PDB file of N, CA and C in Angstrom:
ATOM      1  N   MET A   1      -1.351  52.335  73.347  1.00  0.00           N
ATOM      2  CA  MET A   1      -0.140  52.803  73.646  1.00  0.00           C
ATOM      3  C   MET A   1       0.931  52.444  72.973  1.00  0.00           C
ATOM      4  N   CYS A   2       2.152  52.886  72.822  1.00  0.00           N
ATOM      5  CA  CYS A   2       3.029  52.447  71.823  1.00  0.00           C
ATOM      6  C   CYS A   2       4.263  52.144  72.667  1.00  0.00           C
ATOM      7  N   THR A   3       4.436  50.916  73.127  1.00  0.00           N
ATOM      8  CA  THR A   3       5.679  50.460  73.868  1.00  0.00           C
ATOM      9  C   THR A   3       7.010  50.707  73.313  1.00  0.00           C
ATOM     10  N   GLY A   4       7.017  50.559  71.917  1.00  0.00           N
ATOM     11  CA  GLY A   4       8.341  50.909  71.309  1.00  0.00           C
ATOM     12  C   GLY A   4       8.548  52.567  71.576  1.00  0.00           C
ATOM     13  N   THR A   5       8.044  53.485  71.605  1.00  0.00           N
ATOM     14  CA  THR A   5       7.940  54.607  71.960  1.00  0.00           C
ATOM     15  C   THR A   5       8.384  55.080  73.255  1.00  0.00           C
ATOM     16  N   ILE A   6       7.794  54.229  74.261  1.00  0.00           N
ATOM     17  CA  ILE A   6       7.978  54.389  75.689  1.00  0.00           C
ATOM     18  C   ILE A   6       9.721  53.941  75.773  1.00  0.00           C
ATOM     19  N   TYR A   7      10.074  53.019  75.062  1.00  0.00           N
ATOM     20  CA  TYR A   7      11.523  52.370  75.098  1.00  0.00           C
ATOM     21  C   TYR A   7      12.318  53.320  74.629  1.00  0.00           C
ATOM     22  N   TRP A   8      12.044  53.952  73.557  1.00  0.00           N
ATOM     23  CA  TRP A   8      13.095  54.801  72.735  1.00  0.00           C
ATOM     24  C   TRP A   8      13.165  56.242  73.484  1.00  0.00           C
ATOM     25  N   ALA A   9      12.047  56.543  74.063  1.00  0.00           N
ATOM     26  CA  ALA A   9      11.998  57.790  74.884  1.00  0.00           C
ATOM     27  C   ALA A   9      12.668  57.748  76.162  1.00  0.00           C
ATOM     28  N   ASN A  10      13.246  56.426  76.697  1.00  0.00           N
ATOM     29  CA  ASN A  10      14.098  56.372  77.858  1.00  0.00           C
ATOM     30  C   ASN A  10      13.084  56.669  79.196  1.00  0.00           C
ATOM     31  N   ILE A  11      11.743  56.204  78.908  1.00  0.00           N
ATOM     32  CA  ILE A  11      10.779  56.264  80.057  1.00  0.00           C
ATOM     33  C   ILE A  11      11.066  54.978  80.886  1.00  0.00           C
ATOM     34  N   GLY A  12      11.190  55.153  82.131  1.00  0.00           N
ATOM     35  CA  GLY A  12      11.634  53.850  82.939  1.00  0.00           C
ATOM     36  C   GLY A  12      10.493  53.122  83.526  1.00  0.00           C
ATOM     37  N   ARG A  13       9.209  53.872  83.483  1.00  0.00           N
ATOM     38  CA  ARG A  13       8.161  52.995  84.222  1.00  0.00           C
ATOM     39  C   ARG A  13       6.931  53.144  83.479  1.00  0.00           C
ATOM     40  N   LEU A  14       6.136  52.009  83.129  1.00  0.00           N
ATOM     41  CA  LEU A  14       5.035  52.235  82.442  1.00  0.00           C
ATOM     42  C   LEU A  14       4.024  51.520  83.313  1.00  0.00           C
ATOM     43  N   ILE A  15       2.851  52.499  83.251  1.00  0.00           N
ATOM     44  CA  ILE A  15       1.695  52.134  84.309  1.00  0.00           C
ATOM     45  C   ILE A  15       0.380  51.968  83.493  1.00  0.00           C
ATOM     46  N   TYR A  16      -0.308  50.917  83.294  1.00  0.00           N
ATOM     47  CA  TYR A  16      -1.531  50.972  82.505  1.00  0.00           C
ATOM     48  C   TYR A  16      -2.642  50.379  83.529  1.00  0.00           C
ATOM     49  N   ALA A  17      -3.751  50.987  83.028  1.00  0.00           N
ATOM     50  CA  ALA A  17      -4.964  50.445  83.858  1.00  0.00           C
ATOM     51  C   ALA A  17      -5.643  49.228  83.350  1.00  0.00           C
ATOM     52  N   ALA A  18      -5.925  49.133  81.950  1.00  0.00           N
ATOM     53  CA  ALA A  18      -6.431  47.899  81.425  1.00  0.00           C
ATOM     54  C   ALA A  18      -5.781  47.243  80.292  1.00  0.00           C
ATOM     55  N   SER A  19      -5.625  45.922  80.227  1.00  0.00           N
ATOM     56  CA  SER A  19      -5.058  45.302  79.205  1.00  0.00           C
ATOM     57  C   SER A  19      -5.367  45.600  77.851  1.00  0.00           C
ATOM     58  N   GLU A  20      -4.699  45.582  76.852  1.00  0.00           N
ATOM     59  CA  GLU A  20      -4.952  45.714  75.397  1.00  0.00           C
ATOM     60  C   GLU A  20      -5.967  44.289  75.121  1.00  0.00           C
ATOM     61  N   GLU A  21      -5.644  43.171  75.768  1.00  0.00           N
ATOM     62  CA  GLU A  21      -6.765  42.337  75.454  1.00  0.00           C
ATOM     63  C   GLU A  21      -8.065  42.361  75.789  1.00  0.00           C
ATOM     64  N   GLU A  22      -8.269  42.941  77.036  1.00  0.00           N
ATOM     65  CA  GLU A  22      -9.682  43.253  77.542  1.00  0.00           C
ATOM     66  C   GLU A  22     -10.263  44.069  76.580  1.00  0.00           C
ATOM     67  N   LEU A  23      -9.580  45.376  76.300  1.00  0.00           N
ATOM     68  CA  LEU A  23     -10.118  46.239  75.552  1.00  0.00           C
ATOM     69  C   LEU A  23     -10.378  45.975  74.023  1.00  0.00           C
ATOM     70  N   ASN A  24      -9.569  44.962  73.463  1.00  0.00           N
ATOM     71  CA  ASN A  24      -9.905  44.546  72.171  1.00  0.00           C
ATOM     72  C   ASN A  24     -11.282  43.672  72.225  1.00  0.00           C
ATOM     73  N   LYS A  25     -11.460  42.941  73.404  1.00  0.00           N
ATOM     74  CA  LYS A  25     -12.846  42.149  73.428  1.00  0.00           C
ATOM     75  C   LYS A  25     -13.987  43.156  73.233  1.00  0.00           C
ATOM     76  N   LEU A  26     -13.939  44.557  73.363  1.00  0.00           N
ATOM     77  CA  LEU A  26     -14.943  45.479  73.317  1.00  0.00           C
ATOM     78  C   LEU A  26     -15.174  45.771  71.751  1.00  0.00           C
ATOM     79  N   THR A  27     -14.211  45.597  70.865  1.00  0.00           N
ATOM     80  CA  THR A  27     -14.138  46.177  69.431  1.00  0.00           C
ATOM     81  C   THR A  27     -14.377  44.929  68.474  1.00  0.00           C
ATOM     82  N   GLY A  28     -13.764  43.817  68.932  1.00  0.00           N
ATOM     83  CA  GLY A  28     -13.882  42.520  68.116  1.00  0.00           C
ATOM     84  C   GLY A  28     -12.686  42.636  67.119  1.00  0.00           C
ATOM     85  N   ALA A  29     -12.347  41.411  66.749  1.00  0.00           N
ATOM     86  CA  ALA A  29     -11.126  41.119  65.744  1.00  0.00           C
ATOM     87  C   ALA A  29     -11.482  41.998  64.401  1.00  0.00           C
ATOM     88  N   GLY A  30     -10.443  42.596  63.737  1.00  0.00           N
ATOM     89  CA  GLY A  30     -10.649  43.142  62.515  1.00  0.00           C
ATOM     90  C   GLY A  30     -11.403  44.531  62.461  1.00  0.00           C
ATOM     91  N   ASN A  31     -11.458  45.128  63.671  1.00  0.00           N
ATOM     92  CA  ASN A  31     -12.105  46.495  63.738  1.00  0.00           C
ATOM     93  C   ASN A  31     -11.036  47.473  63.253  1.00  0.00           C
ATOM     94  N   GLU A  32     -11.274  48.191  62.177  1.00  0.00           N
ATOM     95  CA  GLU A  32     -10.439  48.951  61.405  1.00  0.00           C
ATOM     96  C   GLU A  32     -10.236  50.308  62.579  1.00  0.00           C
ATOM     97  N   GLU A  33     -11.026  50.473  63.446  1.00  0.00           N
ATOM     98  CA  GLU A  33     -10.831  51.746  64.256  1.00  0.00           C
ATOM     99  C   GLU A  33     -10.116  51.447  65.487  1.00  0.00           C
ATOM    100  N   ASN A  34      -9.617  50.055  65.624  1.00  0.00           N
ATOM    101  CA  ASN A  34      -8.844  49.737  66.838  1.00  0.00           C
ATOM    102  C   ASN A  34      -7.983  48.549  66.347  1.00  0.00           C
ATOM    103  N   MET A  35      -7.124  48.916  65.591  1.00  0.00           N
ATOM    104  CA  MET A  35      -6.188  47.882  65.144  1.00  0.00           C
ATOM    105  C   MET A  35      -5.225  47.292  66.209  1.00  0.00           C
ATOM    106  N   THR A  36      -5.433  46.458  66.807  1.00  0.00           N
ATOM    107  CA  THR A  36      -4.784  45.822  67.945  1.00  0.00           C
ATOM    108  C   THR A  36      -3.763  44.779  67.575  1.00  0.00           C
ATOM    109  N   MET A  37      -2.646  44.793  68.055  1.00  0.00           N
ATOM    110  CA  MET A  37      -1.636  43.729  68.228  1.00  0.00           C
ATOM    111  C   MET A  37      -1.594  43.089  69.353  1.00  0.00           C
ATOM    112  N   SER A  38      -1.622  41.537  69.124  1.00  0.00           N
ATOM    113  CA  SER A  38      -1.679  40.800  70.305  1.00  0.00           C
ATOM    114  C   SER A  38      -0.259  40.616  70.704  1.00  0.00           C
ATOM    115  N   LEU A  39       0.407  41.434  71.275  1.00  0.00           N
ATOM    116  CA  LEU A  39       1.801  41.542  71.804  1.00  0.00           C
ATOM    117  C   LEU A  39       1.990  42.373  73.042  1.00  0.00           C
ATOM    118  N   PRO A  40       1.915  41.607  74.184  1.00  0.00           N
ATOM    119  CA  PRO A  40       1.741  42.383  75.440  1.00  0.00           C
ATOM    120  C   PRO A  40       3.176  43.379  75.599  1.00  0.00           C
ATOM    121  N   CYS A  41       2.986  44.355  76.084  1.00  0.00           N
ATOM    122  CA  CYS A  41       4.089  45.508  76.144  1.00  0.00           C
ATOM    123  C   CYS A  41       5.174  44.679  77.176  1.00  0.00           C
ATOM    124  N   ARG A  42       4.876  43.787  78.152  1.00  0.00           N
ATOM    125  CA  ARG A  42       6.009  43.032  78.873  1.00  0.00           C
ATOM    126  C   ARG A  42       6.899  42.349  77.787  1.00  0.00           C
ATOM    127  N   GLU A  43       6.244  41.618  76.759  1.00  0.00           N
ATOM    128  CA  GLU A  43       7.030  40.783  75.919  1.00  0.00           C
ATOM    129  C   GLU A  43       7.928  41.886  74.925  1.00  0.00           C
ATOM    130  N   VAL A  44       7.439  42.823  74.666  1.00  0.00           N
ATOM    131  CA  VAL A  44       8.051  43.746  73.838  1.00  0.00           C
ATOM    132  C   VAL A  44       9.290  44.240  74.584  1.00  0.00           C
ATOM    133  N   LEU A  45       9.064  44.817  75.833  1.00  0.00           N
ATOM    134  CA  LEU A  45      10.194  45.381  76.682  1.00  0.00           C
ATOM    135  C   LEU A  45      11.064  44.462  77.119  1.00  0.00           C
ATOM    136  N   LYS A  46      11.032  43.158  77.422  1.00  0.00           N
ATOM    137  CA  LYS A  46      11.998  42.143  77.774  1.00  0.00           C
ATOM    138  C   LYS A  46      12.989  42.097  76.833  1.00  0.00           C
ATOM    139  N   ARG A  47      12.860  42.197  75.588  1.00  0.00           N
ATOM    140  CA  ARG A  47      13.793  42.157  74.385  1.00  0.00           C
ATOM    141  C   ARG A  47      14.702  43.341  74.173  1.00  0.00           C
ATOM    142  N   GLY A  48      14.453  44.236  75.207  1.00  0.00           N
ATOM    143  CA  GLY A  48      15.461  45.530  74.911  1.00  0.00           C
ATOM    144  C   GLY A  48      16.694  45.459  75.811  1.00  0.00           C
ATOM    145  N   GLN A  49      17.407  46.294  75.692  1.00  0.00           N
ATOM    146  CA  GLN A  49      18.758  46.342  76.472  1.00  0.00           C
ATOM    147  C   GLN A  49      18.671  47.222  77.725  1.00  0.00           C
ATOM    148  N   LYS A  50      17.576  47.773  77.897  1.00  0.00           N
ATOM    149  CA  LYS A  50      17.482  48.695  79.116  1.00  0.00           C
ATOM    150  C   LYS A  50      16.084  48.230  79.941  1.00  0.00           C
ATOM    151  N   ALA A  51      16.157  48.394  81.053  1.00  0.00           N
ATOM    152  CA  ALA A  51      14.948  48.041  81.813  1.00  0.00           C
ATOM    153  C   ALA A  51      13.901  49.032  82.010  1.00  0.00           C
ATOM    154  N   VAL A  52      12.688  48.746  81.614  1.00  0.00           N
ATOM    155  CA  VAL A  52      11.601  49.493  81.898  1.00  0.00           C
ATOM    156  C   VAL A  52      10.631  48.765  82.779  1.00  0.00           C
ATOM    157  N   GLU A  53      10.276  49.209  83.895  1.00  0.00           N
ATOM    158  CA  GLU A  53       9.206  48.386  84.873  1.00  0.00           C
ATOM    159  C   GLU A  53       7.971  48.655  84.160  1.00  0.00           C
ATOM    160  N   VAL A  54       7.164  47.668  84.437  1.00  0.00           N
ATOM    161  CA  VAL A  54       5.724  47.697  83.958  1.00  0.00           C
ATOM    162  C   VAL A  54       4.880  47.266  84.971  1.00  0.00           C
ATOM    163  N   LEU A  55       3.858  48.055  85.225  1.00  0.00           N
ATOM    164  CA  LEU A  55       2.996  47.997  86.382  1.00  0.00           C
ATOM    165  C   LEU A  55       1.391  47.830  85.661  1.00  0.00           C
ATOM    166  N   GLY A  56       0.963  46.829  86.120  1.00  0.00           N
ATOM    167  CA  GLY A  56      -0.611  46.882  85.509  1.00  0.00           C
ATOM    168  C   GLY A  56      -1.114  45.524  85.134  1.00  0.00           C
ATOM    169  N   PRO A  57      -2.447  45.348  85.261  1.00  0.00           N
ATOM    170  CA  PRO A  57      -3.227  46.461  85.047  1.00  0.00           C
ATOM    171  C   PRO A  57      -3.584  46.878  86.647  1.00  0.00           C
ATOM    172  N   VAL A  58      -4.234  47.974  86.706  1.00  0.00           N
ATOM    173  CA  VAL A  58      -4.298  48.734  88.089  1.00  0.00           C
ATOM    174  C   VAL A  58      -5.600  48.465  88.430  1.00  0.00           C
ATOM    175  N   LYS A  59      -5.912  47.925  89.691  1.00  0.00           N
ATOM    176  CA  LYS A  59      -7.269  47.562  90.134  1.00  0.00           C
ATOM    177  C   LYS A  59      -7.418  49.010  90.972  1.00  0.00           C
ATOM    178  N   PRO A  60      -8.920  49.553  91.067  1.00  0.00           N
ATOM    179  CA  PRO A  60      -9.832  49.182  90.066  1.00  0.00           C
ATOM    180  C   PRO A  60      -9.990  50.020  89.029  1.00  0.00           C
ATOM    181  N   TRP A  61      -9.054  50.459  88.491  1.00  0.00           N
ATOM    182  CA  TRP A  61      -9.125  51.392  87.360  1.00  0.00           C
ATOM    183  C   TRP A  61      -9.345  50.361  86.015  1.00  0.00           C
ATOM    184  N   ASP A  62      -8.987  49.242  86.006  1.00  0.00           N
ATOM    185  CA  ASP A  62      -8.984  48.261  84.907  1.00  0.00           C
ATOM    186  C   ASP A  62     -10.572  48.302  84.730  1.00  0.00           C
ATOM    187  N   ASP A  63     -11.245  48.013  85.664  1.00  0.00           N
ATOM    188  CA  ASP A  63     -12.756  48.002  85.614  1.00  0.00           C
ATOM    189  C   ASP A  63     -13.272  49.093  84.922  1.00  0.00           C
ATOM    190  N   ARG A  64     -12.962  50.243  85.530  1.00  0.00           N
ATOM    191  CA  ARG A  64     -13.368  51.597  85.077  1.00  0.00           C
ATOM    192  C   ARG A  64     -13.222  51.935  83.670  1.00  0.00           C
ATOM    193  N   VAL A  65     -11.967  51.537  83.395  1.00  0.00           N
ATOM    194  CA  VAL A  65     -11.475  51.825  81.812  1.00  0.00           C
ATOM    195  C   VAL A  65     -12.131  51.022  80.933  1.00  0.00           C
ATOM    196  N   ILE A  66     -12.386  49.649  81.191  1.00  0.00           N
ATOM    197  CA  ILE A  66     -13.215  48.881  80.382  1.00  0.00           C
ATOM    198  C   ILE A  66     -14.472  49.198  80.503  1.00  0.00           C
ATOM    199  N   ARG A  67     -15.133  49.612  81.420  1.00  0.00           N
ATOM    200  CA  ARG A  67     -16.697  50.077  81.436  1.00  0.00           C
ATOM    201  C   ARG A  67     -16.812  51.266  80.675  1.00  0.00           C
ATOM    202  N   GLU A  68     -15.884  52.179  80.884  1.00  0.00           N
ATOM    203  CA  GLU A  68     -16.172  53.589  80.059  1.00  0.00           C
ATOM    204  C   GLU A  68     -15.796  53.257  78.737  1.00  0.00           C
ATOM    205  N   SER A  69     -14.813  52.533  78.256  1.00  0.00           N
ATOM    206  CA  SER A  69     -14.520  52.232  76.847  1.00  0.00           C
ATOM    207  C   SER A  69     -15.729  51.469  76.199  1.00  0.00           C
ATOM    208  N   GLY A  70     -16.125  50.623  76.883  1.00  0.00           N
ATOM    209  CA  GLY A  70     -17.486  49.926  76.493  1.00  0.00           C
ATOM    210  C   GLY A  70     -18.570  50.694  76.205  1.00  0.00           C
ATOM    211  N   LYS A  71     -18.906  51.677  77.051  1.00  0.00           N
ATOM    212  CA  LYS A  71     -19.944  52.776  76.581  1.00  0.00           C
ATOM    213  C   LYS A  71     -19.530  53.647  75.258  1.00  0.00           C
ATOM    214  N   TRP A  72     -18.349  53.764  75.271  1.00  0.00           N
ATOM    215  CA  TRP A  72     -17.886  54.674  73.946  1.00  0.00           C
ATOM    216  C   TRP A  72     -18.137  53.827  72.731  1.00  0.00           C
ATOM    217  N   TRP A  73     -17.459  52.607  72.872  1.00  0.00           N
ATOM    218  CA  TRP A  73     -17.637  51.653  71.444  1.00  0.00           C
ATOM    219  C   TRP A  73     -19.231  51.549  71.348  1.00  0.00           C
ATOM    220  N   LYS A  74     -19.838  51.140  72.248  1.00  0.00           N
ATOM    221  CA  LYS A  74     -21.421  50.987  71.871  1.00  0.00           C
ATOM    222  C   LYS A  74     -21.910  52.071  71.351  1.00  0.00           C
ATOM    223  N   LYS A  75     -21.646  53.368  71.929  1.00  0.00           N
ATOM    224  CA  LYS A  75     -22.191  54.601  71.211  1.00  0.00           C
ATOM    225  C   LYS A  75     -21.775  54.706  69.820  1.00  0.00           C
ATOM    226  N   HIS A  76     -20.463  54.305  69.675  1.00  0.00           N
ATOM    227  CA  HIS A  76     -19.839  54.607  68.369  1.00  0.00           C
ATOM    228  C   HIS A  76     -19.658  53.272  67.591  1.00  0.00           C
ATOM    229  N   ALA A  77     -20.772  52.626  67.415  1.00  0.00           N
ATOM    230  CA  ALA A  77     -20.735  51.063  66.703  1.00  0.00           C
ATOM    231  C   ALA A  77     -20.401  51.526  65.089  1.00  0.00           C
ATOM    232  N   VAL A  78     -20.838  52.331  64.720  1.00  0.00           N
ATOM    233  CA  VAL A  78     -20.617  52.754  63.162  1.00  0.00           C
ATOM    234  C   VAL A  78     -19.130  53.256  63.140  1.00  0.00           C
ATOM    235  N   GLN A  79     -18.257  52.690  62.299  1.00  0.00           N
ATOM    236  CA  GLN A  79     -17.163  53.124  62.188  1.00  0.00           C
ATOM    237  C   GLN A  79     -16.973  54.442  61.431  1.00  0.00           C
ATOM    238  N   GLY A  80     -16.234  55.085  61.829  1.00  0.00           N
ATOM    239  CA  GLY A  80     -15.954  56.610  61.329  1.00  0.00           C
ATOM    240  C   GLY A  80     -16.955  57.545  61.586  1.00  0.00           C
ATOM    241  N   GLU A  81     -17.982  57.173  62.705  1.00  0.00           N
ATOM    242  CA  GLU A  81     -18.822  57.980  63.053  1.00  0.00           C
ATOM    243  C   GLU A  81     -18.341  58.833  64.362  1.00  0.00           C
ATOM    244  N   LYS A  82     -18.522  60.043  64.458  1.00  0.00           N
ATOM    245  CA  LYS A  82     -18.105  61.023  65.753  1.00  0.00           C
ATOM    246  C   LYS A  82     -19.318  61.285  66.534  1.00  0.00           C
ATOM    247  N   ASP A  83     -19.100  61.535  67.860  1.00  0.00           N
ATOM    248  CA  ASP A  83     -20.110  62.001  68.639  1.00  0.00           C
ATOM    249  C   ASP A  83     -20.675  63.321  68.079  1.00  0.00           C
ATOM    250  N   VAL A  84     -21.634  63.997  68.765  1.00  0.00           N
ATOM    251  CA  VAL A  84     -22.248  65.125  68.443  1.00  0.00           C
ATOM    252  C   VAL A  84     -21.021  66.457  68.401  1.00  0.00           C
ATOM    253  N   ASN A  85     -20.318  66.203  69.369  1.00  0.00           N
ATOM    254  CA  ASN A  85     -19.277  67.244  69.562  1.00  0.00           C
ATOM    255  C   ASN A  85     -18.059  67.122  68.692  1.00  0.00           C
ATOM    256  N   GLY A  86     -18.130  66.134  67.823  1.00  0.00           N
ATOM    257  CA  GLY A  86     -17.084  65.791  66.816  1.00  0.00           C
ATOM    258  C   GLY A  86     -15.910  65.293  67.271  1.00  0.00           C
ATOM    259  N   SER A  87     -15.867  64.667  68.609  1.00  0.00           N
ATOM    260  CA  SER A  87     -14.838  64.092  69.501  1.00  0.00           C
ATOM    261  C   SER A  87     -14.843  62.454  69.464  1.00  0.00           C
ATOM    262  N   ARG A  88     -13.778  62.200  69.534  1.00  0.00           N
ATOM    263  CA  ARG A  88     -13.605  60.573  69.625  1.00  0.00           C
ATOM    264  C   ARG A  88     -13.245  60.132  71.125  1.00  0.00           C
ATOM    265  N   GLU A  89     -13.212  61.141  71.925  1.00  0.00           N
ATOM    266  CA  GLU A  89     -12.848  60.925  73.331  1.00  0.00           C
ATOM    267  C   GLU A  89     -14.075  60.309  74.104  1.00  0.00           C
ATOM    268  N   PRO A  90     -14.082  59.363  75.084  1.00  0.00           N
ATOM    269  CA  PRO A  90     -15.085  58.904  75.865  1.00  0.00           C
ATOM    270  C   PRO A  90     -15.489  59.870  76.688  1.00  0.00           C
ATOM    271  N   GLU A  91     -16.841  59.835  77.102  1.00  0.00           N
ATOM    272  CA  GLU A  91     -17.351  60.640  78.396  1.00  0.00           C
ATOM    273  C   GLU A  91     -17.122  59.844  79.567  1.00  0.00           C
ATOM    274  N   LEU A  92     -16.411  60.211  80.577  1.00  0.00           N
ATOM    275  CA  LEU A  92     -16.247  59.675  81.814  1.00  0.00           C
ATOM    276  C   LEU A  92     -17.497  59.706  82.597  1.00  0.00           C
ATOM    277  N   ASP A  93     -17.702  58.639  83.460  1.00  0.00           N
ATOM    278  CA  ASP A  93     -18.813  58.284  84.229  1.00  0.00           C
ATOM    279  C   ASP A  93     -18.537  58.529  85.465  1.00  0.00           C
ATOM    280  N   GLY A  94     -18.547  59.590  86.154  1.00  0.00           N
ATOM    281  CA  GLY A  94     -18.142  59.604  87.625  1.00  0.00           C
ATOM    282  C   GLY A  94     -16.873  60.844  87.695  1.00  0.00           C
ATOM    283  N   ASP A  95     -16.580  61.123  88.755  1.00  0.00           N
ATOM    284  CA  ASP A  95     -15.519  62.029  89.029  1.00  0.00           C
ATOM    285  C   ASP A  95     -14.285  61.604  89.609  1.00  0.00           C
ATOM    286  N   TYR A  96     -13.290  61.084  88.712  1.00  0.00           N
ATOM    287  CA  TYR A  96     -12.047  60.477  89.150  1.00  0.00           C
ATOM    288  C   TYR A  96     -10.853  61.608  88.998  1.00  0.00           C
ATOM    289  N   SER A  97     -10.403  61.633  90.139  1.00  0.00           N
ATOM    290  CA  SER A  97      -9.202  62.611  90.358  1.00  0.00           C
ATOM    291  C   SER A  97      -7.936  62.013  90.190  1.00  0.00           C
ATOM    292  N   VAL A  98      -6.981  62.889  90.209  1.00  0.00           N
ATOM    293  CA  VAL A  98      -5.451  62.229  90.062  1.00  0.00           C
ATOM    294  C   VAL A  98      -5.234  61.514  91.438  1.00  0.00           C
ATOM    295  N   ALA A  99      -5.854  62.071  92.601  1.00  0.00           N
ATOM    296  CA  ALA A  99      -5.627  61.791  93.885  1.00  0.00           C
ATOM    297  C   ALA A  99      -6.288  60.129  93.936  1.00  0.00           C
ATOM    298  N   ASP A 100      -7.478  60.019  93.482  1.00  0.00           N
ATOM    299  CA  ASP A 100      -7.984  58.498  93.200  1.00  0.00           C
ATOM    300  C   ASP A 100      -7.062  57.662  92.645  1.00  0.00           C
ATOM    301  N   LEU A 101      -6.407  57.987  91.428  1.00  0.00           N
ATOM    302  CA  LEU A 101      -5.588  57.485  90.733  1.00  0.00           C
ATOM    303  C   LEU A 101      -4.318  56.995  91.545  1.00  0.00           C
ATOM    304  N   GLN A 102      -3.721  57.906  92.296  1.00  0.00           N
ATOM    305  CA  GLN A 102      -2.457  57.701  92.947  1.00  0.00           C
ATOM    306  C   GLN A 102      -2.807  56.505  94.025  1.00  0.00           C
ATOM    307  N   SER A 103      -4.036  56.711  94.805  1.00  0.00           N
ATOM    308  CA  SER A 103      -4.199  55.906  95.582  1.00  0.00           C
ATOM    309  C   SER A 103      -4.367  54.494  95.225  1.00  0.00           C
ATOM    310  N   SER A 104      -4.899  54.492  94.113  1.00  0.00           N
ATOM    311  CA  SER A 104      -5.176  53.051  93.294  1.00  0.00           C
ATOM    312  C   SER A 104      -3.923  52.603  92.915  1.00  0.00           C
ATOM    313  N   ILE A 105      -2.662  53.253  92.783  1.00  0.00           N
ATOM    314  CA  ILE A 105      -1.604  52.542  92.360  1.00  0.00           C
ATOM    315  C   ILE A 105      -0.480  52.700  93.457  1.00  0.00           C
ATOM    316  N   ASP A 106      -0.766  53.125  94.649  1.00  0.00           N
ATOM    317  CA  ASP A 106       0.163  53.016  95.753  1.00  0.00           C
ATOM    318  C   ASP A 106       0.607  51.628  96.212  1.00  0.00           C
ATOM    319  N   TRP A 107      -0.232  50.654  95.961  1.00  0.00           N
ATOM    320  CA  TRP A 107      -0.007  49.268  96.184  1.00  0.00           C
ATOM    321  C   TRP A 107       1.182  48.873  95.366  1.00  0.00           C
ATOM    322  N   LEU A 108       1.497  49.452  94.046  1.00  0.00           N
ATOM    323  CA  LEU A 108       2.452  49.045  93.285  1.00  0.00           C
ATOM    324  C   LEU A 108       3.820  49.525  93.694  1.00  0.00           C
ATOM    325  N   SER A 109       4.029  50.314  94.620  1.00  0.00           N
ATOM    326  CA  SER A 109       5.371  50.550  95.135  1.00  0.00           C
ATOM    327  C   SER A 109       5.902  49.864  95.976  1.00  0.00           C
TER     328      SER A 109
END
């Protein structure tokens, strides 16, 4: 996610499921497919002139995102290789609806 874009687009709330730090553990340092900056979004946003509310990681979605991302990275261990459909999107394990997500973040309100 690009925190700078969120700030400049005047988006007032950022909700994320899993931290970049946890996702970075899946790919390892120096992976050209996942060029991670070790700079939390909260740190970036607190230096701005307007408030952006940050909520996350969201339980239990953080575990789901990490698990599903781990499957994708394991399947795509060879850099630059795409899946059989030519996609770089992970295949989700399970049926998660918008209602599931909403119930998971209700505690944030």
